[in-house]
Protein backbone atom coordinates (compact mmCIF):
# COMPACT_ATOMS: atom_id res chain seq x y z
CA UNK A 1 -1.92 -48.41 -0.57
CA UNK A 2 -0.75 -48.57 -4.07
CA UNK A 3 2.32 -46.80 -4.99
CA UNK A 4 1.83 -44.29 -8.01
CA UNK A 5 3.94 -44.90 -11.09
CA UNK A 6 6.64 -42.08 -11.16
CA UNK A 7 5.74 -38.73 -12.76
CA UNK A 8 7.35 -36.19 -14.36
CA UNK A 9 5.79 -32.72 -13.07
CA UNK A 10 6.95 -29.18 -14.10
CA UNK A 11 5.96 -26.00 -12.36
CA UNK A 12 6.90 -22.75 -14.10
CA UNK A 13 6.24 -18.92 -13.44
CA UNK A 14 7.49 -16.00 -12.05
CA UNK A 15 9.56 -15.07 -8.80
CA UNK A 16 7.67 -15.21 -5.55
CA UNK A 17 4.49 -17.19 -6.90
CA UNK A 18 4.46 -20.16 -4.68
CA UNK A 19 6.35 -22.65 -6.96
CA UNK A 20 8.53 -23.91 -4.47
CA UNK A 21 6.04 -24.51 -2.04
CA UNK A 22 3.83 -26.38 -4.38
CA UNK A 23 6.93 -28.13 -5.58
CA UNK A 24 7.70 -29.12 -2.09
CA UNK A 25 4.17 -30.36 -1.35
CA UNK A 26 3.97 -32.63 -4.61
CA UNK A 27 7.44 -34.08 -4.18
CA UNK A 28 6.22 -35.08 -0.56
CA UNK A 29 2.92 -36.52 -1.87
CA UNK A 30 4.76 -38.43 -4.55
CA UNK A 31 7.87 -39.32 -2.65
CA UNK A 32 9.79 -37.46 -5.34
CA UNK A 33 12.69 -35.14 -5.68
CA UNK A 34 12.94 -31.69 -7.08
CA UNK A 35 15.25 -30.41 -10.10
CA UNK A 36 15.76 -26.50 -10.10
CA UNK A 37 14.80 -24.72 -13.53
CA UNK A 38 16.23 -21.38 -12.46
CA UNK A 39 19.19 -20.24 -14.13
CA UNK A 40 20.23 -17.88 -11.28
CA UNK A 41 19.78 -20.56 -8.76
CA UNK A 42 22.73 -22.63 -10.28
CA UNK A 43 25.02 -19.98 -8.55
CA UNK A 44 26.49 -20.10 -4.84
CA UNK A 45 25.42 -17.13 -3.23
CA UNK A 46 22.75 -15.95 -5.45
CA UNK A 47 19.90 -16.71 -2.75
CA UNK A 48 18.07 -13.38 -2.08
CA UNK A 49 17.15 -12.27 -5.30
CA UNK A 50 16.05 -15.70 -6.45
CA UNK A 51 14.19 -16.52 -3.68
CA UNK A 52 16.17 -19.88 -3.24
CA UNK A 53 14.90 -21.90 -0.56
CA UNK A 54 17.18 -22.20 2.42
CA UNK A 55 18.27 -25.84 3.23
CA UNK A 56 15.77 -25.64 6.08
CA UNK A 57 12.98 -24.67 3.82
CA UNK A 58 13.28 -27.89 1.52
CA UNK A 59 11.42 -30.22 4.16
CA UNK A 60 14.21 -32.84 3.67
CA UNK A 61 13.36 -33.20 0.18
CA UNK A 62 16.38 -33.74 -2.29
CA UNK A 63 16.88 -30.64 -4.53
CA UNK A 64 19.06 -30.99 -7.59
CA UNK A 65 20.87 -28.41 -9.98
CA UNK A 66 21.46 -25.68 -7.26
CA UNK A 67 24.59 -23.98 -5.93
CA UNK A 68 26.71 -25.72 -8.89
CA UNK A 69 28.53 -22.84 -10.13
CA UNK A 70 30.54 -19.78 -8.60
CA UNK A 71 29.45 -16.17 -9.69
CA UNK A 72 32.50 -15.78 -12.21
CA UNK A 73 31.57 -19.35 -14.02
CA UNK A 74 29.46 -19.39 -17.14
CA UNK A 75 26.30 -21.46 -17.27
CA UNK A 76 25.04 -22.72 -20.37
CA UNK A 77 21.51 -23.92 -21.51
CA UNK A 78 23.20 -27.01 -23.18
CA UNK A 79 25.14 -28.00 -20.07
CA UNK A 80 21.87 -27.45 -18.11
CA UNK A 81 19.80 -29.70 -20.31
CA UNK A 82 22.31 -32.57 -20.12
CA UNK A 83 22.68 -32.77 -16.39
CA UNK A 84 19.10 -31.94 -15.69
CA UNK A 85 17.89 -34.88 -17.96
CA UNK A 86 20.39 -37.41 -16.75
CA UNK A 87 19.34 -36.50 -13.02
CA UNK A 88 15.65 -37.05 -14.38
CA UNK A 89 16.20 -40.18 -16.07
CA UNK A 90 18.01 -41.74 -13.14
CA UNK A 91 15.26 -41.04 -10.50
CA UNK A 92 12.42 -41.97 -12.94
CA UNK A 93 14.20 -45.32 -13.71
CA UNK A 94 14.63 -46.05 -9.95
CA UNK A 95 10.69 -45.20 -9.33
CA UNK A 96 10.97 -41.68 -8.14
CA UNK A 97 8.99 -38.87 -9.13
CA UNK A 98 10.50 -35.73 -10.41
CA UNK A 99 9.21 -32.15 -9.86
CA UNK A 100 10.96 -29.71 -11.98
CA UNK A 101 10.52 -26.16 -10.84
CA UNK A 102 11.59 -22.76 -11.79
CA UNK A 103 11.28 -19.45 -13.77
CA UNK A 104 13.56 -19.64 -16.57
CA UNK A 105 11.53 -20.76 -19.71
CA UNK A 106 14.50 -21.59 -21.80
CA UNK A 107 15.59 -24.25 -19.40
CA UNK A 108 12.29 -25.61 -18.97
CA UNK A 109 12.14 -25.87 -22.97
CA UNK A 110 15.66 -27.17 -23.03
CA UNK A 111 14.62 -29.95 -20.41
CA UNK A 112 11.40 -30.75 -22.19
CA UNK A 113 11.91 -30.30 -25.63
CA UNK A 114 14.56 -31.59 -28.33
CA UNK A 115 17.02 -28.56 -28.53
CA UNK A 116 20.18 -28.94 -30.27
CA UNK A 117 22.87 -26.79 -29.13
CA UNK A 118 25.93 -26.18 -31.40
CA UNK A 119 29.47 -26.27 -30.18
CA UNK A 120 31.19 -23.20 -29.43
CA UNK A 121 34.50 -21.92 -30.54
CA UNK A 122 36.17 -20.13 -28.02
CA UNK A 123 38.18 -18.18 -30.56
CA UNK A 124 35.09 -16.78 -31.89
CA UNK A 125 33.71 -16.24 -28.61
CA UNK A 126 36.66 -14.08 -27.63
CA UNK A 127 36.55 -12.04 -30.74
């Protein structure tokens, strides 16, 4: 059997619509890995309201961009964009397919499109 070239697949939609199950099936079929694109799933402990899969439900498929932050830490789209793209580039260049899955449209748009994010000024933000 000929191995397929690595693919980048994006699955987007509302919570509890079967995105995760589809992502697992595709990752198994393509021998790929999954990158989370749900802003709330970046947080440890935000499991129930986000429908985050338990480790036992992930079918041994590596999942990236999950449980990175404490709930009192800020997430940024710019940081997500940089980290997720770096992971995807590494996986694709090693011959792995990538399934990006989630319901946060801005995160998916930032992953796919050229969005530039200006630097923030902590003093202005504080005011």
